[in-house]
Protein backbone atom coordinates (compact mmCIF):
# COMPACT_ATOMS: atom_id res chain seq x y z
CA UNK A 1 83.49 154.78 -31.56
CA UNK A 2 80.78 155.98 -29.17
CA UNK A 3 82.36 158.50 -26.83
CA UNK A 4 81.30 160.55 -23.85
CA UNK A 5 80.62 164.23 -24.57
CA UNK A 6 79.30 165.33 -21.18
CA UNK A 7 81.55 167.25 -18.84
CA UNK A 8 81.96 167.86 -15.11
CA UNK A 9 81.84 164.38 -13.64
CA UNK A 10 83.91 161.76 -11.87
CA UNK A 11 83.91 158.28 -13.40
CA UNK A 12 85.14 155.39 -11.25
CA UNK A 13 86.80 152.96 -13.64
CA UNK A 14 87.51 150.72 -10.67
CA UNK A 15 87.32 150.72 -6.87
CA UNK A 16 89.76 147.93 -5.98
CA UNK A 17 92.44 148.48 -3.40
CA UNK A 18 95.17 146.19 -2.03
CA UNK A 19 96.83 143.26 -3.73
CA UNK A 20 94.28 140.47 -3.24
CA UNK A 21 91.26 142.43 -4.42
CA UNK A 22 93.23 143.66 -7.44
CA UNK A 23 94.83 140.33 -8.36
CA UNK A 24 91.51 138.48 -8.13
CA UNK A 25 89.62 141.44 -9.69
CA UNK A 26 86.97 141.26 -6.98
CA UNK A 27 86.60 144.92 -7.86
CA UNK A 28 87.96 146.53 -11.02
CA UNK A 29 91.19 148.54 -10.75
CA UNK A 30 91.04 151.06 -13.58
CA UNK A 31 91.47 154.29 -11.60
CA UNK A 32 89.37 157.46 -11.85
CA UNK A 33 88.53 159.68 -14.84
CA UNK A 34 87.82 163.32 -13.99
CA UNK A 35 86.09 165.67 -16.43
CA UNK A 36 86.67 169.24 -15.19
CA UNK A 37 85.21 172.02 -17.32
CA UNK A 38 85.98 170.01 -20.44
CA UNK A 39 89.50 169.03 -19.34
CA UNK A 40 89.85 165.24 -18.99
CA UNK A 41 92.39 163.84 -16.57
CA UNK A 42 92.95 160.21 -15.58
CA UNK A 43 94.22 159.47 -12.08
CA UNK A 44 95.98 156.21 -11.19
CA UNK A 45 95.41 153.91 -14.18
CA UNK A 46 95.70 150.53 -12.51
CA UNK A 47 95.40 147.08 -14.13
CA UNK A 48 92.59 146.95 -16.69
CA UNK A 49 92.18 150.69 -17.12
CA UNK A 50 92.09 150.61 -20.91
CA UNK A 51 89.56 147.77 -20.95
CA UNK A 52 87.38 149.59 -18.43
CA UNK A 53 87.48 152.77 -20.53
CA UNK A 54 86.40 151.00 -23.70
CA UNK A 55 83.77 148.79 -22.04
CA UNK A 56 82.08 151.68 -20.21
CA UNK A 57 78.70 152.97 -21.33
CA UNK A 58 79.19 155.41 -22.89
CA UNK A 59 82.76 154.55 -23.84
CA UNK A 60 85.53 156.70 -22.42
CA UNK A 61 87.73 157.47 -25.42
CA UNK A 62 91.41 157.68 -24.34
CA UNK A 63 92.00 160.17 -27.17
CA UNK A 64 89.86 162.62 -25.21
CA UNK A 65 92.32 162.55 -22.32
CA UNK A 66 94.39 165.67 -21.74
CA UNK A 67 96.52 164.43 -18.83
CA UNK A 68 97.38 161.46 -16.63
CA UNK A 69 98.30 161.78 -12.96
CA UNK A 70 100.04 159.09 -10.91
CA UNK A 71 99.66 159.58 -7.18
CA UNK A 72 102.38 156.95 -6.73
CA UNK A 73 104.14 154.09 -8.49
CA UNK A 74 102.46 151.00 -7.00
CA UNK A 75 100.97 148.66 -9.59
CA UNK A 76 97.36 148.99 -8.45
CA UNK A 77 97.73 152.69 -9.32
CA UNK A 78 100.12 152.63 -12.27
CA UNK A 79 100.12 149.27 -14.07
CA UNK A 80 98.27 150.62 -17.14
CA UNK A 81 100.05 153.97 -17.39
CA UNK A 82 102.07 152.93 -20.44
CA UNK A 83 99.16 151.51 -22.40
CA UNK A 84 97.06 154.56 -21.53
CA UNK A 85 99.81 156.85 -22.84
CA UNK A 86 99.82 154.83 -26.05
CA UNK A 87 96.02 154.97 -26.30
CA UNK A 88 95.92 158.70 -25.52
CA UNK A 89 98.39 159.40 -28.34
CA UNK A 90 97.16 156.80 -30.88
CA UNK A 91 100.27 154.71 -30.41
CA UNK A 92 102.52 157.74 -30.39
CA UNK A 93 101.41 159.02 -33.81
CA UNK A 94 99.68 162.06 -32.25
CA UNK A 95 101.99 163.59 -29.66
CA UNK A 96 99.82 165.15 -26.98
CA UNK A 97 98.97 165.26 -23.30
CA UNK A 98 100.86 165.66 -20.04
CA UNK A 99 101.96 163.11 -17.46
CA UNK A 100 102.24 164.20 -13.83
CA UNK A 101 104.09 161.76 -11.55
CA UNK A 102 106.37 161.57 -8.50
CA UNK A 103 110.05 161.43 -9.25
CA UNK A 104 110.50 157.81 -8.16
CA UNK A 105 107.93 156.66 -10.73
CA UNK A 106 110.30 157.91 -13.42
CA UNK A 107 113.76 157.22 -12.02
CA UNK A 108 114.24 154.38 -9.54
CA UNK A 109 112.91 151.18 -11.16
CA UNK A 110 110.58 153.34 -13.29
CA UNK A 111 106.97 152.33 -14.00
CA UNK A 112 106.80 154.66 -17.03
CA UNK A 113 108.72 153.18 -19.95
CA UNK A 114 111.28 155.42 -21.62
CA UNK A 115 109.97 154.86 -25.13
CA UNK A 116 106.42 156.09 -24.35
CA UNK A 117 107.76 159.27 -22.75
CA UNK A 118 108.41 160.59 -26.25
CA UNK A 119 104.73 160.19 -27.13
CA UNK A 120 103.49 162.90 -24.77
CA UNK A 121 104.02 166.63 -24.82
CA UNK A 122 105.24 167.10 -21.25
CA UNK A 123 106.24 165.17 -18.15
CA UNK A 124 105.99 167.13 -14.89
CA UNK A 125 107.33 165.82 -11.59
CA UNK A 126 104.91 166.48 -8.75
CA UNK A 127 106.14 167.54 -5.34
CA UNK A 128 104.78 168.45 -1.91
CA UNK A 129 103.14 171.87 -2.04
CA UNK A 130 102.94 171.83 -5.84
CA UNK A 131 100.33 173.67 -7.90
CA UNK A 132 99.78 172.73 -11.55
CA UNK A 133 97.68 174.50 -14.18
CA UNK A 134 95.49 172.19 -16.27
CA UNK A 135 93.45 174.71 -18.28
CA UNK A 136 92.00 178.20 -17.84
CA UNK A 137 90.69 178.35 -14.28
CA UNK A 138 91.37 174.67 -13.59
CA UNK A 139 94.39 173.41 -11.68
CA UNK A 140 95.39 170.85 -9.10
CA UNK A 141 97.54 170.87 -5.99
CA UNK A 142 99.57 168.19 -4.25
CA UNK A 143 99.59 169.71 -0.78
CA UNK A 144 101.13 166.94 1.26
CA UNK A 145 103.50 164.02 0.97
CA UNK A 146 101.68 161.00 2.35
CA UNK A 147 103.00 158.36 4.72
CA UNK A 148 103.26 155.39 2.36
CA UNK A 149 106.10 153.07 1.28
CA UNK A 150 106.60 154.91 -2.03
CA UNK A 151 106.57 158.66 -2.77
CA UNK A 152 102.85 159.48 -2.68
CA UNK A 153 100.73 162.62 -2.99
CA UNK A 154 97.06 163.39 -2.50
CA UNK A 155 95.29 165.77 -4.87
CA UNK A 156 93.09 168.86 -4.70
CA UNK A 157 91.33 169.83 -7.92
CA UNK A 158 90.21 173.46 -8.07
CA UNK A 159 87.77 174.90 -10.63
CA UNK A 160 85.72 178.14 -10.63
CA UNK A 161 82.58 176.24 -9.57
CA UNK A 162 83.63 173.31 -7.39
CA UNK A 163 86.58 171.70 -5.64
CA UNK A 164 87.48 168.04 -5.24
CA UNK A 165 89.93 166.51 -2.79
CA UNK A 166 91.30 163.00 -3.12
CA UNK A 167 93.05 161.45 -0.14
CA UNK A 168 94.99 158.59 -1.72
CA UNK A 169 96.91 155.80 0.02
CA UNK A 170 98.43 156.78 3.35
CA UNK A 171 98.44 155.93 6.99
CA UNK A 172 96.52 158.41 9.14
CA UNK A 173 98.37 161.46 10.46
CA UNK A 174 96.94 164.78 11.70
CA UNK A 175 98.17 166.96 8.82
CA UNK A 176 95.64 165.25 6.55
CA UNK A 177 92.98 167.32 8.32
CA UNK A 178 94.62 170.57 7.20
CA UNK A 179 94.94 169.89 3.48
CA UNK A 180 91.82 168.41 1.91
CA UNK A 181 88.86 170.78 2.09
CA UNK A 182 87.16 170.05 -1.24
CA UNK A 183 83.39 170.23 -1.64
CA UNK A 184 83.65 166.60 -2.74
CA UNK A 185 86.07 164.37 -0.84
CA UNK A 186 87.27 161.01 -2.17
CA UNK A 187 88.96 158.80 0.42
CA UNK A 188 90.91 155.62 -0.31
CA UNK A 189 89.93 153.29 2.53
CA UNK A 190 91.51 149.85 2.18
CA UNK A 191 90.83 148.46 5.65
CA UNK A 192 87.60 148.31 7.60
CA UNK A 193 89.43 148.25 10.92
CA UNK A 194 92.84 147.50 12.38
CA UNK A 195 94.06 146.50 15.81
CA UNK A 196 96.92 148.25 17.58
CA UNK A 197 99.61 145.88 16.25
CA UNK A 198 98.32 146.10 12.68
CA UNK A 199 98.33 149.88 12.75
CA UNK A 200 102.08 149.87 13.40
CA UNK A 201 102.77 148.64 9.86
CA UNK A 202 99.56 149.62 8.06
CA UNK A 203 100.02 152.37 5.48
CA UNK A 204 96.32 152.65 4.63
CA UNK A 205 93.28 154.33 6.15
CA UNK A 206 90.54 152.55 8.08
CA UNK A 207 86.91 153.47 8.70
CA UNK A 208 87.90 154.86 12.09
CA UNK A 209 90.25 157.22 10.27
CA UNK A 210 87.52 158.14 7.78
CA UNK A 211 85.15 159.01 10.61
CA UNK A 212 87.77 161.36 12.10
CA UNK A 213 88.42 162.98 8.71
CA UNK A 214 84.82 163.59 7.66
CA UNK A 215 83.61 164.84 11.03
CA UNK A 216 86.43 167.37 11.04
CA UNK A 217 86.32 168.49 7.39
CA UNK A 218 82.55 168.12 6.78
CA UNK A 219 82.61 167.94 2.97
CA UNK A 220 79.34 168.23 1.06
CA UNK A 221 79.83 164.68 -0.24
CA UNK A 222 82.31 161.97 0.68
CA UNK A 223 82.99 159.13 -1.76
CA UNK A 224 84.66 156.03 -0.31
CA UNK A 225 86.98 154.23 -2.73
CA UNK A 226 89.84 151.72 -3.11
CA UNK A 227 88.53 148.83 -1.03
CA UNK A 228 90.51 145.92 0.35
CA UNK A 229 89.15 142.57 1.53
CA UNK A 230 88.02 143.66 4.96
CA UNK A 231 86.02 146.51 3.43
CA UNK A 232 84.43 144.20 0.87
CA UNK A 233 83.46 141.74 3.60
CA UNK A 234 81.86 144.59 5.55
CA UNK A 235 79.92 145.67 2.39
CA UNK A 236 81.02 149.22 1.52
CA UNK A 237 77.51 150.52 0.80
CA UNK A 238 76.34 149.40 4.25
CA UNK A 239 79.41 150.94 5.88
CA UNK A 240 78.72 154.24 4.07
CA UNK A 241 75.06 154.21 5.10
CA UNK A 242 76.03 153.62 8.74
CA UNK A 243 78.62 156.41 8.65
CA UNK A 244 76.07 158.78 7.11
CA UNK A 245 73.59 157.97 9.88
CA UNK A 246 76.23 158.44 12.59
CA UNK A 247 77.65 161.71 11.28
CA UNK A 248 74.70 163.32 9.51
CA UNK A 249 76.93 163.73 6.42
CA UNK A 250 76.43 162.57 2.84
CA UNK A 251 78.73 159.55 2.48
CA UNK A 252 78.60 157.22 -0.53
CA UNK A 253 80.53 154.05 -1.32
CA UNK A 254 81.76 154.24 -4.91
CA UNK A 255 81.14 151.27 -7.19
CA UNK A 256 82.81 150.12 -10.39
CA UNK A 257 81.57 152.24 -13.29
CA UNK A 258 79.82 154.76 -11.04
CA UNK A 259 79.54 158.30 -12.38
CA UNK A 260 79.27 161.21 -9.95
CA UNK A 261 78.05 164.46 -11.47
CA UNK A 262 79.82 167.56 -10.21
CA UNK A 263 77.15 170.01 -11.36
CA UNK A 264 73.84 169.41 -9.64
């Protein structure tokens, strides 16, 4: 099997967000593979993650994974977690790896099957304010519980050379501006816009929210991700170009299969 040997990158195995885009596969929904100083961690393996790994060029070998993180239990983020655990451990014959997940992904109507839990070395429940060592000098934090229908946490990855923040699914609230100061900022933005009535029940960010976040935090690079129908209709790359022009910041719309190098 041809495998990737490079390190220090972010690989978007899919950029789909929301049920319609995922169910119709208008964008792929495989999640994100992070390579951090040789440590490989998969975040939110949604539907098709394994296929996306093995169809990538070069192929992303699941046996190279060291950990899987679920930000929350919804199917567009967790549907392939069991098959990825099996692939990471060669069907359970090579016990290895760590799963990090919120408690409700493991207890109430669990998305992680009990039988695959024995295939991995450790399962760690993530909590608000948590800090978790991945390897020497590399760790991640879950600084804030998000406002979303299930238990949900954003992520900060910290390494000796760079930091990455990932604002996953949530409605906007001011504390987001205090917690995600990575050099690279990934933002899940499902909706292009929302009227006042929609915002009462919407548990996802809009471009208006993104504008507020990036102009306050001013990351070196912002990567937009996890698009719903209204974002696709607005053409994410055009939206990112317009935001870049308005703010003077480097804003990029992620695409399926896109690789972002962390060392320039």
